Amino acid sequence: MWEKAIIGMATLRVMSGTIEVLAALFILKVNEVEKALLINSGLAIVGPLVLLSTTTIGLIGMSDRISFAKIMWIFAGIVCIFIGVRK
């Protein structure tokens, strides 16, 4: 059977993918560049939240097998990603 952390991570990713597809369909429906950009900007919030959430769930799921120092290195890496992609 699957671990709870795996189910949680997969569920978040499926929900994220569903939101992305629905947003794409909505962009096609509105058929206006200005509105499409607003929808796309809204998606910019979803991606990082899903990244943080799935990483947190995964780390909690393996917290008994990984040291606190390694967890801090992983979060430091995520912070570096956010700094690197910041506009």
N, C-alpha and C. Protein backbone atom coordinates (compact mmCIF):
# COMPACT_ATOMS: atom_id res chain seq x y z
N MET A 1 0.83 -1.18 0.00
CA MET A 1 0.00 0.00 0.00
C MET A 1 0.88 1.24 0.00
N TRP A 2 0.35 2.34 -0.46
CA TRP A 2 1.10 3.58 -0.53
C TRP A 2 1.16 4.28 0.82
N GLU A 3 2.26 5.02 1.03
CA GLU A 3 2.38 5.82 2.25
C GLU A 3 1.45 7.02 2.16
N LYS A 4 1.05 7.53 3.31
CA LYS A 4 0.16 8.70 3.35
C LYS A 4 0.82 9.90 2.69
N ALA A 5 2.12 10.06 2.89
CA ALA A 5 2.83 11.20 2.30
C ALA A 5 2.77 11.14 0.77
N ILE A 6 2.92 9.95 0.22
CA ILE A 6 2.87 9.77 -1.23
C ILE A 6 1.49 10.13 -1.76
N ILE A 7 0.46 9.68 -1.06
CA ILE A 7 -0.90 9.98 -1.49
C ILE A 7 -1.16 11.49 -1.44
N GLY A 8 -0.69 12.14 -0.37
CA GLY A 8 -0.86 13.58 -0.24
C GLY A 8 -0.13 14.35 -1.33
N MET A 9 1.11 13.96 -1.61
CA MET A 9 1.89 14.63 -2.64
C MET A 9 1.24 14.45 -4.01
N ALA A 10 0.84 13.24 -4.32
CA ALA A 10 0.22 12.96 -5.61
C ALA A 10 -1.10 13.71 -5.76
N THR A 11 -1.87 13.76 -4.69
CA THR A 11 -3.15 14.47 -4.73
C THR A 11 -2.94 15.94 -5.02
N LEU A 12 -1.96 16.56 -4.36
CA LEU A 12 -1.68 17.96 -4.62
C LEU A 12 -1.25 18.19 -6.07
N ARG A 13 -0.44 17.31 -6.60
CA ARG A 13 0.02 17.46 -7.98
C ARG A 13 -1.13 17.27 -8.98
N VAL A 14 -2.02 16.33 -8.70
CA VAL A 14 -3.18 16.14 -9.58
C VAL A 14 -4.07 17.37 -9.54
N MET A 15 -4.29 17.91 -8.34
CA MET A 15 -5.11 19.13 -8.22
C MET A 15 -4.45 20.30 -8.94
N SER A 16 -3.14 20.41 -8.81
CA SER A 16 -2.41 21.48 -9.49
C SER A 16 -2.53 21.34 -11.00
N GLY A 17 -2.38 20.15 -11.49
CA GLY A 17 -2.51 19.91 -12.93
C GLY A 17 -3.91 20.20 -13.42
N THR A 18 -4.91 19.84 -12.62
CA THR A 18 -6.29 20.12 -12.98
C THR A 18 -6.54 21.62 -13.05
N ILE A 19 -6.00 22.35 -12.10
CA ILE A 19 -6.13 23.81 -12.11
C ILE A 19 -5.48 24.39 -13.36
N GLU A 20 -4.31 23.88 -13.73
CA GLU A 20 -3.60 24.36 -14.92
C GLU A 20 -4.43 24.12 -16.19
N VAL A 21 -4.98 22.92 -16.31
CA VAL A 21 -5.79 22.60 -17.50
C VAL A 21 -7.05 23.45 -17.54
N LEU A 22 -7.71 23.59 -16.40
CA LEU A 22 -8.92 24.42 -16.36
C LEU A 22 -8.60 25.88 -16.69
N ALA A 23 -7.47 26.36 -16.22
CA ALA A 23 -7.08 27.73 -16.54
C ALA A 23 -6.82 27.88 -18.04
N ALA A 24 -6.19 26.89 -18.65
CA ALA A 24 -5.94 26.94 -20.09
C ALA A 24 -7.26 26.97 -20.86
N LEU A 25 -8.21 26.16 -20.44
CA LEU A 25 -9.52 26.16 -21.09
C LEU A 25 -10.24 27.49 -20.90
N PHE A 26 -10.10 28.06 -19.71
CA PHE A 26 -10.72 29.35 -19.44
C PHE A 26 -10.07 30.46 -20.28
N ILE A 27 -8.76 30.39 -20.45
CA ILE A 27 -8.07 31.35 -21.31
C ILE A 27 -8.62 31.27 -22.73
N LEU A 28 -8.82 30.07 -23.22
CA LEU A 28 -9.40 29.91 -24.55
C LEU A 28 -10.81 30.47 -24.60
N LYS A 29 -11.57 30.27 -23.53
CA LYS A 29 -12.95 30.74 -23.51
C LYS A 29 -13.03 32.27 -23.52
N VAL A 30 -12.19 32.95 -22.71
CA VAL A 30 -12.27 34.41 -22.64
C VAL A 30 -11.76 35.07 -23.91
N ASN A 31 -10.79 34.46 -24.55
CA ASN A 31 -10.29 34.90 -25.86
C ASN A 31 -9.87 36.37 -25.87
N GLU A 32 -9.30 36.83 -24.77
CA GLU A 32 -8.77 38.20 -24.68
C GLU A 32 -7.42 38.15 -23.99
N VAL A 33 -6.44 38.81 -24.59
CA VAL A 33 -5.07 38.75 -24.07
C VAL A 33 -4.99 39.30 -22.65
N GLU A 34 -5.67 40.42 -22.39
CA GLU A 34 -5.59 41.03 -21.06
C GLU A 34 -6.11 40.09 -19.99
N LYS A 35 -7.25 39.48 -20.24
CA LYS A 35 -7.84 38.54 -19.27
C LYS A 35 -6.99 37.28 -19.16
N ALA A 36 -6.43 36.84 -20.28
CA ALA A 36 -5.57 35.66 -20.27
C ALA A 36 -4.34 35.90 -19.41
N LEU A 37 -3.78 37.10 -19.48
CA LEU A 37 -2.63 37.42 -18.65
C LEU A 37 -2.99 37.44 -17.17
N LEU A 38 -4.18 37.92 -16.84
CA LEU A 38 -4.63 37.89 -15.45
C LEU A 38 -4.76 36.46 -14.94
N ILE A 39 -5.34 35.60 -15.76
CA ILE A 39 -5.48 34.19 -15.39
C ILE A 39 -4.10 33.56 -15.21
N ASN A 40 -3.21 33.84 -16.13
CA ASN A 40 -1.86 33.30 -16.07
C ASN A 40 -1.13 33.79 -14.82
N SER A 41 -1.34 35.05 -14.46
CA SER A 41 -0.71 35.59 -13.26
C SER A 41 -1.22 34.89 -12.01
N GLY A 42 -2.49 34.56 -12.01
CA GLY A 42 -3.04 33.81 -10.88
C GLY A 42 -2.38 32.45 -10.73
N LEU A 43 -2.04 31.85 -11.85
CA LEU A 43 -1.37 30.54 -11.80
C LEU A 43 0.04 30.64 -11.23
N ALA A 44 0.62 31.82 -11.31
CA ALA A 44 1.97 32.00 -10.78
C ALA A 44 2.01 31.80 -9.26
N ILE A 45 0.86 31.93 -8.62
CA ILE A 45 0.78 31.70 -7.18
C ILE A 45 0.65 30.21 -6.88
N VAL A 46 -0.05 29.49 -7.74
CA VAL A 46 -0.34 28.07 -7.50
C VAL A 46 0.94 27.23 -7.52
N GLY A 47 1.78 27.46 -8.51
CA GLY A 47 2.99 26.64 -8.66
C GLY A 47 3.88 26.62 -7.43
N PRO A 48 4.30 27.79 -6.93
CA PRO A 48 5.16 27.79 -5.74
C PRO A 48 4.48 27.20 -4.50
N LEU A 49 3.19 27.44 -4.36
CA LEU A 49 2.48 26.87 -3.21
C LEU A 49 2.46 25.35 -3.26
N VAL A 50 2.26 24.81 -4.45
CA VAL A 50 2.27 23.36 -4.61
C VAL A 50 3.67 22.81 -4.35
N LEU A 51 4.70 23.50 -4.85
CA LEU A 51 6.09 23.08 -4.61
C LEU A 51 6.37 23.02 -3.11
N LEU A 52 6.05 24.08 -2.40
CA LEU A 52 6.29 24.11 -0.96
C LEU A 52 5.48 23.05 -0.23
N SER A 53 4.23 22.89 -0.61
CA SER A 53 3.36 21.93 0.07
C SER A 53 3.82 20.50 -0.15
N THR A 54 4.11 20.15 -1.40
CA THR A 54 4.54 18.77 -1.66
C THR A 54 5.89 18.48 -1.02
N THR A 55 6.79 19.44 -1.03
CA THR A 55 8.09 19.25 -0.38
C THR A 55 7.92 19.07 1.12
N THR A 56 7.06 19.88 1.71
CA THR A 56 6.82 19.78 3.15
C THR A 56 6.21 18.43 3.51
N ILE A 57 5.23 18.00 2.73
CA ILE A 57 4.62 16.69 2.99
C ILE A 57 5.67 15.58 2.86
N GLY A 58 6.49 15.66 1.82
CA GLY A 58 7.53 14.65 1.62
C GLY A 58 8.54 14.63 2.75
N LEU A 59 8.94 15.80 3.20
CA LEU A 59 9.91 15.86 4.31
C LEU A 59 9.31 15.36 5.62
N ILE A 60 8.06 15.70 5.85
CA ILE A 60 7.40 15.18 7.05
C ILE A 60 7.30 13.66 6.97
N GLY A 61 7.01 13.15 5.77
CA GLY A 61 6.90 11.71 5.58
C GLY A 61 8.19 10.96 5.82
N MET A 62 9.32 11.63 5.60
CA MET A 62 10.60 10.95 5.82
C MET A 62 11.41 11.58 6.95
N SER A 63 10.75 12.32 7.82
CA SER A 63 11.45 13.02 8.90
C SER A 63 12.15 12.06 9.86
N ASP A 64 11.65 10.86 9.97
CA ASP A 64 12.30 9.89 10.85
C ASP A 64 13.55 9.27 10.21
N ARG A 65 13.76 9.50 8.91
CA ARG A 65 14.91 8.91 8.21
C ARG A 65 15.92 9.93 7.74
N ILE A 66 15.70 11.21 8.04
CA ILE A 66 16.59 12.25 7.55
C ILE A 66 16.90 13.21 8.70
N SER A 67 18.13 13.69 8.73
CA SER A 67 18.54 14.57 9.82
C SER A 67 17.96 15.97 9.64
N PHE A 68 17.88 16.69 10.75
CA PHE A 68 17.36 18.05 10.73
C PHE A 68 18.23 18.94 9.85
N ALA A 69 19.54 18.72 9.86
CA ALA A 69 20.44 19.53 9.04
C ALA A 69 20.14 19.35 7.55
N LYS A 70 19.86 18.13 7.13
CA LYS A 70 19.53 17.89 5.72
C LYS A 70 18.19 18.55 5.35
N ILE A 71 17.24 18.53 6.26
CA ILE A 71 15.96 19.20 6.01
C ILE A 71 16.20 20.69 5.81
N MET A 72 17.05 21.28 6.63
CA MET A 72 17.36 22.71 6.49
C MET A 72 18.05 22.99 5.15
N TRP A 73 18.93 22.09 4.70
CA TRP A 73 19.58 22.26 3.38
C TRP A 73 18.55 22.22 2.26
N ILE A 74 17.58 21.34 2.38
CA ILE A 74 16.53 21.25 1.36
C ILE A 74 15.73 22.54 1.31
N PHE A 75 15.33 23.05 2.48
CA PHE A 75 14.58 24.31 2.50
C PHE A 75 15.43 25.48 2.01
N ALA A 76 16.72 25.45 2.32
CA ALA A 76 17.62 26.49 1.80
C ALA A 76 17.66 26.43 0.27
N GLY A 77 17.65 25.24 -0.28
CA GLY A 77 17.62 25.08 -1.73
C GLY A 77 16.34 25.64 -2.34
N ILE A 78 15.23 25.41 -1.67
CA ILE A 78 13.96 25.95 -2.16
C ILE A 78 13.98 27.47 -2.12
N VAL A 79 14.53 28.03 -1.05
CA VAL A 79 14.65 29.49 -0.96
C VAL A 79 15.51 30.01 -2.11
N CYS A 80 16.58 29.32 -2.42
CA CYS A 80 17.45 29.72 -3.55
C CYS A 80 16.68 29.68 -4.88
N ILE A 81 15.84 28.69 -5.04
CA ILE A 81 15.02 28.60 -6.26
C ILE A 81 14.13 29.83 -6.37
N PHE A 82 13.46 30.17 -5.27
CA PHE A 82 12.57 31.33 -5.28
C PHE A 82 13.33 32.63 -5.54
N ILE A 83 14.50 32.76 -4.96
CA ILE A 83 15.31 33.96 -5.20
C ILE A 83 15.75 34.00 -6.66
N GLY A 84 16.12 32.86 -7.21
CA GLY A 84 16.59 32.79 -8.59
C GLY A 84 15.53 33.12 -9.63
N VAL A 85 14.30 32.79 -9.34
CA VAL A 85 13.26 33.04 -10.33
C VAL A 85 12.47 34.33 -10.07
N ARG A 86 12.82 35.00 -8.99
CA ARG A 86 12.15 36.26 -8.66
C ARG A 86 12.42 37.31 -9.71
N LYS A 87 11.42 38.11 -10.00
CA LYS A 87 11.58 39.12 -11.04
C LYS A 87 12.20 40.38 -10.49
